[in-house]
Amino acid sequence: MINRRTGQKLVLNESGFFVWKLCEDSTVENVIKKVVEEFGIDEKEAEEQITDVIESLYRRGFIEKEENP
């Protein structure tokens, strides 16, 4: 992936790319649920890993956080 604003490049594995694709139209909770269903991993493990992936994507400018009104 390339951040068009910064030119920064990022390579994701299959699960990281899956999470990134889900971020556009989902809450973190929904992303966790879908990852658990897709990859058959423990929900607590998924929550920790997904939180790390999402925070990393956010810090690098590949996703933006949407604040609840």
PDB file of N, CA and C in Angstrom:
ATOM      1  N   MET A   1       0.848  -1.168   0.000  1.00  0.00           N
ATOM      2  CA  MET A   1       0.000   0.000   0.000  1.00  0.00           C
ATOM      3  C   MET A   1       0.893   1.230   0.000  1.00  0.00           C
ATOM      4  N   ILE A   2       0.389   2.309  -0.588  1.00  0.00           N
ATOM      5  CA  ILE A   2       1.108   3.581  -0.588  1.00  0.00           C
ATOM      6  C   ILE A   2       0.170   4.665  -0.075  1.00  0.00           C
ATOM      7  N   ASN A   3       0.636   5.411   0.917  1.00  0.00           N
ATOM      8  CA  ASN A   3      -0.115   6.551   1.416  1.00  0.00           C
ATOM      9  C   ASN A   3       0.098   7.684   0.417  1.00  0.00           C
ATOM     10  N   ARG A   4      -0.933   8.058  -0.277  1.00  0.00           N
ATOM     11  CA  ARG A   4      -0.809   9.078  -1.339  1.00  0.00           C
ATOM     12  C   ARG A   4      -0.440  10.455  -0.802  1.00  0.00           C
ATOM     13  N   ARG A   5      -0.770  10.723   0.438  1.00  0.00           N
ATOM     14  CA  ARG A   5      -0.421  12.027   1.022  1.00  0.00           C
ATOM     15  C   ARG A   5       1.049  12.124   1.386  1.00  0.00           C
ATOM     16  N   THR A   6       1.606  11.013   1.894  1.00  0.00           N
ATOM     17  CA  THR A   6       2.981  11.055   2.390  1.00  0.00           C
ATOM     18  C   THR A   6       3.972  10.286   1.523  1.00  0.00           C
ATOM     19  N   GLY A   7       3.485   9.429   0.652  1.00  0.00           N
ATOM     20  CA  GLY A   7       4.348   8.591  -0.158  1.00  0.00           C
ATOM     21  C   GLY A   7       4.882   7.381   0.591  1.00  0.00           C
ATOM     22  N   GLN A   8       4.494   7.227   1.860  1.00  0.00           N
ATOM     23  CA  GLN A   8       4.961   6.108   2.677  1.00  0.00           C
ATOM     24  C   GLN A   8       4.378   4.797   2.153  1.00  0.00           C
ATOM     25  N   LYS A   9       5.229   3.773   2.114  1.00  0.00           N
ATOM     26  CA  LYS A   9       4.809   2.452   1.659  1.00  0.00           C
ATOM     27  C   LYS A   9       4.630   1.535   2.859  1.00  0.00           C
ATOM     28  N   LEU A  10       3.694   0.596   2.731  1.00  0.00           N
ATOM     29  CA  LEU A  10       3.419  -0.354   3.796  1.00  0.00           C
ATOM     30  C   LEU A  10       3.035  -1.685   3.168  1.00  0.00           C
ATOM     31  N   VAL A  11       3.657  -2.751   3.638  1.00  0.00           N
ATOM     32  CA  VAL A  11       3.337  -4.098   3.180  1.00  0.00           C
ATOM     33  C   VAL A  11       2.581  -4.799   4.299  1.00  0.00           C
ATOM     34  N   LEU A  12       1.430  -5.344   3.959  1.00  0.00           N
ATOM     35  CA  LEU A  12       0.605  -6.050   4.942  1.00  0.00           C
ATOM     36  C   LEU A  12       0.530  -7.532   4.600  1.00  0.00           C
ATOM     37  N   ASN A  13       0.442  -8.361   5.637  1.00  0.00           N
ATOM     38  CA  ASN A  13       0.178  -9.772   5.388  1.00  0.00           C
ATOM     39  C   ASN A  13      -1.316  -9.939   5.107  1.00  0.00           C
ATOM     40  N   GLU A  14      -1.737 -11.174   4.864  1.00  0.00           N
ATOM     41  CA  GLU A  14      -3.131 -11.436   4.495  1.00  0.00           C
ATOM     42  C   GLU A  14      -4.118 -10.922   5.536  1.00  0.00           C
ATOM     43  N   SER A  15      -3.854 -11.205   6.801  1.00  0.00           N
ATOM     44  CA  SER A  15      -4.798 -10.784   7.837  1.00  0.00           C
ATOM     45  C   SER A  15      -4.780  -9.268   8.029  1.00  0.00           C
ATOM     46  N   GLY A  16      -3.618  -8.646   7.926  1.00  0.00           N
ATOM     47  CA  GLY A  16      -3.526  -7.188   8.023  1.00  0.00           C
ATOM     48  C   GLY A  16      -4.291  -6.506   6.900  1.00  0.00           C
ATOM     49  N   PHE A  17      -4.172  -7.043   5.688  1.00  0.00           N
ATOM     50  CA  PHE A  17      -4.902  -6.488   4.551  1.00  0.00           C
ATOM     51  C   PHE A  17      -6.402  -6.683   4.737  1.00  0.00           C
ATOM     52  N   PHE A  18      -6.799  -7.834   5.260  1.00  0.00           N
ATOM     53  CA  PHE A  18      -8.207  -8.116   5.539  1.00  0.00           C
ATOM     54  C   PHE A  18      -8.768  -7.078   6.504  1.00  0.00           C
ATOM     55  N   VAL A  19      -8.016  -6.793   7.574  1.00  0.00           N
ATOM     56  CA  VAL A  19      -8.436  -5.792   8.560  1.00  0.00           C
ATOM     57  C   VAL A  19      -8.534  -4.426   7.903  1.00  0.00           C
ATOM     58  N   TRP A  20      -7.523  -4.039   7.133  1.00  0.00           N
ATOM     59  CA  TRP A  20      -7.527  -2.729   6.477  1.00  0.00           C
ATOM     60  C   TRP A  20      -8.764  -2.562   5.591  1.00  0.00           C
ATOM     61  N   LYS A  21      -9.116  -3.589   4.816  1.00  0.00           N
ATOM     62  CA  LYS A  21     -10.288  -3.504   3.948  1.00  0.00           C
ATOM     63  C   LYS A  21     -11.572  -3.316   4.755  1.00  0.00           C
ATOM     64  N   LEU A  22     -11.635  -3.945   5.924  1.00  0.00           N
ATOM     65  CA  LEU A  22     -12.842  -3.844   6.752  1.00  0.00           C
ATOM     66  C   LEU A  22     -12.982  -2.487   7.439  1.00  0.00           C
ATOM     67  N   CYS A  23     -11.883  -1.791   7.618  1.00  0.00           N
ATOM     68  CA  CYS A  23     -11.909  -0.539   8.387  1.00  0.00           C
ATOM     69  C   CYS A  23     -12.795   0.535   7.762  1.00  0.00           C
ATOM     70  N   GLU A  24     -12.969   0.508   6.474  1.00  0.00           N
ATOM     71  CA  GLU A  24     -13.719   1.583   5.817  1.00  0.00           C
ATOM     72  C   GLU A  24     -15.161   1.689   6.290  1.00  0.00           C
ATOM     73  N   ASP A  25     -15.819   0.566   6.468  1.00  0.00           N
ATOM     74  CA  ASP A  25     -17.249   0.602   6.772  1.00  0.00           C
ATOM     75  C   ASP A  25     -17.629  -0.148   8.045  1.00  0.00           C
ATOM     76  N   SER A  26     -16.687  -0.325   8.962  1.00  0.00           N
ATOM     77  CA  SER A  26     -16.975  -1.125  10.143  1.00  0.00           C
ATOM     78  C   SER A  26     -16.454  -0.469  11.409  1.00  0.00           C
ATOM     79  N   THR A  27     -17.055  -0.867  12.512  1.00  0.00           N
ATOM     80  CA  THR A  27     -16.513  -0.492  13.816  1.00  0.00           C
ATOM     81  C   THR A  27     -15.411  -1.496  14.168  1.00  0.00           C
ATOM     82  N   VAL A  28     -14.612  -1.168  15.161  1.00  0.00           N
ATOM     83  CA  VAL A  28     -13.572  -2.089  15.613  1.00  0.00           C
ATOM     84  C   VAL A  28     -14.211  -3.408  16.059  1.00  0.00           C
ATOM     85  N   GLU A  29     -15.328  -3.332  16.734  1.00  0.00           N
ATOM     86  CA  GLU A  29     -16.012  -4.538  17.204  1.00  0.00           C
ATOM     87  C   GLU A  29     -16.422  -5.431  16.042  1.00  0.00           C
ATOM     88  N   ASN A  30     -16.928  -4.832  14.967  1.00  0.00           N
ATOM     89  CA  ASN A  30     -17.325  -5.615  13.793  1.00  0.00           C
ATOM     90  C   ASN A  30     -16.116  -6.214  13.087  1.00  0.00           C
ATOM     91  N   VAL A  31     -15.012  -5.473  13.038  1.00  0.00           N
ATOM     92  CA  VAL A  31     -13.788  -5.995  12.438  1.00  0.00           C
ATOM     93  C   VAL A  31     -13.330  -7.223  13.217  1.00  0.00           C
ATOM     94  N   ILE A  32     -13.336  -7.137  14.545  1.00  0.00           N
ATOM     95  CA  ILE A  32     -12.931  -8.262  15.382  1.00  0.00           C
ATOM     96  C   ILE A  32     -13.818  -9.471  15.101  1.00  0.00           C
ATOM     97  N   LYS A  33     -15.110  -9.261  15.063  1.00  0.00           N
ATOM     98  CA  LYS A  33     -16.052 -10.353  14.813  1.00  0.00           C
ATOM     99  C   LYS A  33     -15.768 -11.027  13.476  1.00  0.00           C
ATOM    100  N   LYS A  34     -15.542 -10.230  12.437  1.00  0.00           N
ATOM    101  CA  LYS A  34     -15.304 -10.782  11.104  1.00  0.00           C
ATOM    102  C   LYS A  34     -13.969 -11.512  11.019  1.00  0.00           C
ATOM    103  N   VAL A  35     -12.952 -11.011  11.712  1.00  0.00           N
ATOM    104  CA  VAL A  35     -11.649 -11.685  11.719  1.00  0.00           C
ATOM    105  C   VAL A  35     -11.762 -13.024  12.446  1.00  0.00           C
ATOM    106  N   VAL A  36     -12.470 -13.050  13.564  1.00  0.00           N
ATOM    107  CA  VAL A  36     -12.675 -14.302  14.300  1.00  0.00           C
ATOM    108  C   VAL A  36     -13.365 -15.320  13.393  1.00  0.00           C
ATOM    109  N   GLU A  37     -14.393 -14.879  12.669  1.00  0.00           N
ATOM    110  CA  GLU A  37     -15.121 -15.777  11.762  1.00  0.00           C
ATOM    111  C   GLU A  37     -14.227 -16.244  10.608  1.00  0.00           C
ATOM    112  N   GLU A  38     -13.475 -15.344  10.021  1.00  0.00           N
ATOM    113  CA  GLU A  38     -12.665 -15.655   8.838  1.00  0.00           C
ATOM    114  C   GLU A  38     -11.467 -16.541   9.161  1.00  0.00           C
ATOM    115  N   PHE A  39     -10.775 -16.243  10.268  1.00  0.00           N
ATOM    116  CA  PHE A  39      -9.524 -16.929  10.566  1.00  0.00           C
ATOM    117  C   PHE A  39      -9.631 -17.936  11.708  1.00  0.00           C
ATOM    118  N   GLY A  40     -10.793 -18.000  12.370  1.00  0.00           N
ATOM    119  CA  GLY A  40     -11.016 -18.980  13.418  1.00  0.00           C
ATOM    120  C   GLY A  40     -10.074 -18.843  14.606  1.00  0.00           C
ATOM    121  N   ILE A  41      -9.791 -17.599  14.994  1.00  0.00           N
ATOM    122  CA  ILE A  41      -8.913 -17.390  16.149  1.00  0.00           C
ATOM    123  C   ILE A  41      -9.741 -16.935  17.351  1.00  0.00           C
ATOM    124  N   ASP A  42      -9.130 -17.031  18.510  1.00  0.00           N
ATOM    125  CA  ASP A  42      -9.761 -16.637  19.760  1.00  0.00           C
ATOM    126  C   ASP A  42     -10.107 -15.147  19.735  1.00  0.00           C
ATOM    127  N   GLU A  43     -11.278 -14.789  20.254  1.00  0.00           N
ATOM    128  CA  GLU A  43     -11.727 -13.394  20.216  1.00  0.00           C
ATOM    129  C   GLU A  43     -10.789 -12.454  20.970  1.00  0.00           C
ATOM    130  N   LYS A  44     -10.285 -12.872  22.126  1.00  0.00           N
ATOM    131  CA  LYS A  44      -9.371 -12.023  22.887  1.00  0.00           C
ATOM    132  C   LYS A  44      -8.064 -11.807  22.120  1.00  0.00           C
ATOM    133  N   GLU A  45      -7.542 -12.865  21.538  1.00  0.00           N
ATOM    134  CA  GLU A  45      -6.327 -12.759  20.722  1.00  0.00           C
ATOM    135  C   GLU A  45      -6.570 -11.846  19.519  1.00  0.00           C
ATOM    136  N   ALA A  46      -7.725 -12.016  18.881  1.00  0.00           N
ATOM    137  CA  ALA A  46      -8.070 -11.185  17.730  1.00  0.00           C
ATOM    138  C   ALA A  46      -8.162  -9.722  18.135  1.00  0.00           C
ATOM    139  N   GLU A  47      -8.782  -9.447  19.262  1.00  0.00           N
ATOM    140  CA  GLU A  47      -8.939  -8.070  19.729  1.00  0.00           C
ATOM    141  C   GLU A  47      -7.577  -7.401  19.923  1.00  0.00           C
ATOM    142  N   GLU A  48      -6.649  -8.106  20.564  1.00  0.00           N
ATOM    143  CA  GLU A  48      -5.315  -7.544  20.787  1.00  0.00           C
ATOM    144  C   GLU A  48      -4.594  -7.276  19.472  1.00  0.00           C
ATOM    145  N   GLN A  49      -4.612  -8.250  18.578  1.00  0.00           N
ATOM    146  CA  GLN A  49      -3.904  -8.108  17.309  1.00  0.00           C
ATOM    147  C   GLN A  49      -4.533  -7.034  16.423  1.00  0.00           C
ATOM    148  N   ILE A  50      -5.840  -7.007  16.375  1.00  0.00           N
ATOM    149  CA  ILE A  50      -6.530  -6.041  15.520  1.00  0.00           C
ATOM    150  C   ILE A  50      -6.329  -4.622  16.042  1.00  0.00           C
ATOM    151  N   THR A  51      -6.385  -4.462  17.343  1.00  0.00           N
ATOM    152  CA  THR A  51      -6.133  -3.146  17.927  1.00  0.00           C
ATOM    153  C   THR A  51      -4.746  -2.652  17.540  1.00  0.00           C
ATOM    154  N   ASP A  52      -3.756  -3.537  17.599  1.00  0.00           N
ATOM    155  CA  ASP A  52      -2.396  -3.171  17.207  1.00  0.00           C
ATOM    156  C   ASP A  52      -2.325  -2.781  15.734  1.00  0.00           C
ATOM    157  N   VAL A  53      -2.964  -3.567  14.873  1.00  0.00           N
ATOM    158  CA  VAL A  53      -2.949  -3.280  13.436  1.00  0.00           C
ATOM    159  C   VAL A  53      -3.620  -1.945  13.151  1.00  0.00           C
ATOM    160  N   ILE A  54      -4.777  -1.719  13.743  1.00  0.00           N
ATOM    161  CA  ILE A  54      -5.523  -0.482  13.495  1.00  0.00           C
ATOM    162  C   ILE A  54      -4.741   0.726  14.001  1.00  0.00           C
ATOM    163  N   GLU A  55      -4.157   0.632  15.177  1.00  0.00           N
ATOM    164  CA  GLU A  55      -3.361   1.748  15.705  1.00  0.00           C
ATOM    165  C   GLU A  55      -2.159   2.034  14.805  1.00  0.00           C
ATOM    166  N   SER A  56      -1.525   0.985  14.307  1.00  0.00           N
ATOM    167  CA  SER A  56      -0.388   1.160  13.404  1.00  0.00           C
ATOM    168  C   SER A  56      -0.818   1.828  12.097  1.00  0.00           C
ATOM    169  N   LEU A  57      -1.925   1.382  11.537  1.00  0.00           N
ATOM    170  CA  LEU A  57      -2.442   1.999  10.308  1.00  0.00           C
ATOM    171  C   LEU A  57      -2.796   3.461  10.534  1.00  0.00           C
ATOM    172  N   TYR A  58      -3.385   3.764  11.681  1.00  0.00           N
ATOM    173  CA  TYR A  58      -3.754   5.141  12.018  1.00  0.00           C
ATOM    174  C   TYR A  58      -2.515   6.025  12.167  1.00  0.00           C
ATOM    175  N   ARG A  59      -1.532   5.540  12.937  1.00  0.00           N
ATOM    176  CA  ARG A  59      -0.309   6.328  13.153  1.00  0.00           C
ATOM    177  C   ARG A  59       0.414   6.628  11.841  1.00  0.00           C
ATOM    178  N   ARG A  60       0.329   5.714  10.912  1.00  0.00           N
ATOM    179  CA  ARG A  60       1.022   5.886   9.633  1.00  0.00           C
ATOM    180  C   ARG A  60       0.182   6.621   8.590  1.00  0.00           C
ATOM    181  N   GLY A  61      -1.041   6.972   8.957  1.00  0.00           N
ATOM    182  CA  GLY A  61      -1.886   7.765   8.064  1.00  0.00           C
ATOM    183  C   GLY A  61      -2.634   6.978   7.014  1.00  0.00           C
ATOM    184  N   PHE A  62      -2.747   5.651   7.186  1.00  0.00           N
ATOM    185  CA  PHE A  62      -3.456   4.837   6.205  1.00  0.00           C
ATOM    186  C   PHE A  62      -4.947   4.744   6.488  1.00  0.00           C
ATOM    187  N   ILE A  63      -5.349   5.067   7.702  1.00  0.00           N
ATOM    188  CA  ILE A  63      -6.768   5.158   8.048  1.00  0.00           C
ATOM    189  C   ILE A  63      -6.959   6.356   8.958  1.00  0.00           C
ATOM    190  N   GLU A  64      -8.196   6.804   9.066  1.00  0.00           N
ATOM    191  CA  GLU A  64      -8.541   7.900   9.972  1.00  0.00           C
ATOM    192  C   GLU A  64      -9.572   7.404  10.960  1.00  0.00           C
ATOM    193  N   LYS A  65      -9.531   7.962  12.145  1.00  0.00           N
ATOM    194  CA  LYS A  65     -10.530   7.611  13.152  1.00  0.00           C
ATOM    195  C   LYS A  65     -11.750   8.485  12.958  1.00  0.00           C
ATOM    196  N   GLU A  66     -12.905   7.847  13.100  1.00  0.00           N
ATOM    197  CA  GLU A  66     -14.149   8.591  13.043  1.00  0.00           C
ATOM    198  C   GLU A  66     -14.665   8.685  14.460  1.00  0.00           C
ATOM    199  N   GLU A  67     -14.844   9.887  14.917  1.00  0.00           N
ATOM    200  CA  GLU A  67     -15.338  10.100  16.273  1.00  0.00           C
ATOM    201  C   GLU A  67     -16.846   9.972  16.299  1.00  0.00           C
ATOM    202  N   ASN A  68     -17.365   9.371  17.362  1.00  0.00           N
ATOM    203  CA  ASN A  68     -18.807   9.258  17.535  1.00  0.00           C
ATOM    204  C   ASN A  68     -19.367  10.624  17.943  1.00  0.00           C
ATOM    205  N   PRO A  69     -20.515  11.011  17.367  1.00  0.00           N
ATOM    206  CA  PRO A  69     -21.102  12.320  17.721  1.00  0.00           C
ATOM    207  C   PRO A  69     -21.599  12.388  19.131  1.00  0.00           C
TER     208      PRO A  69
END
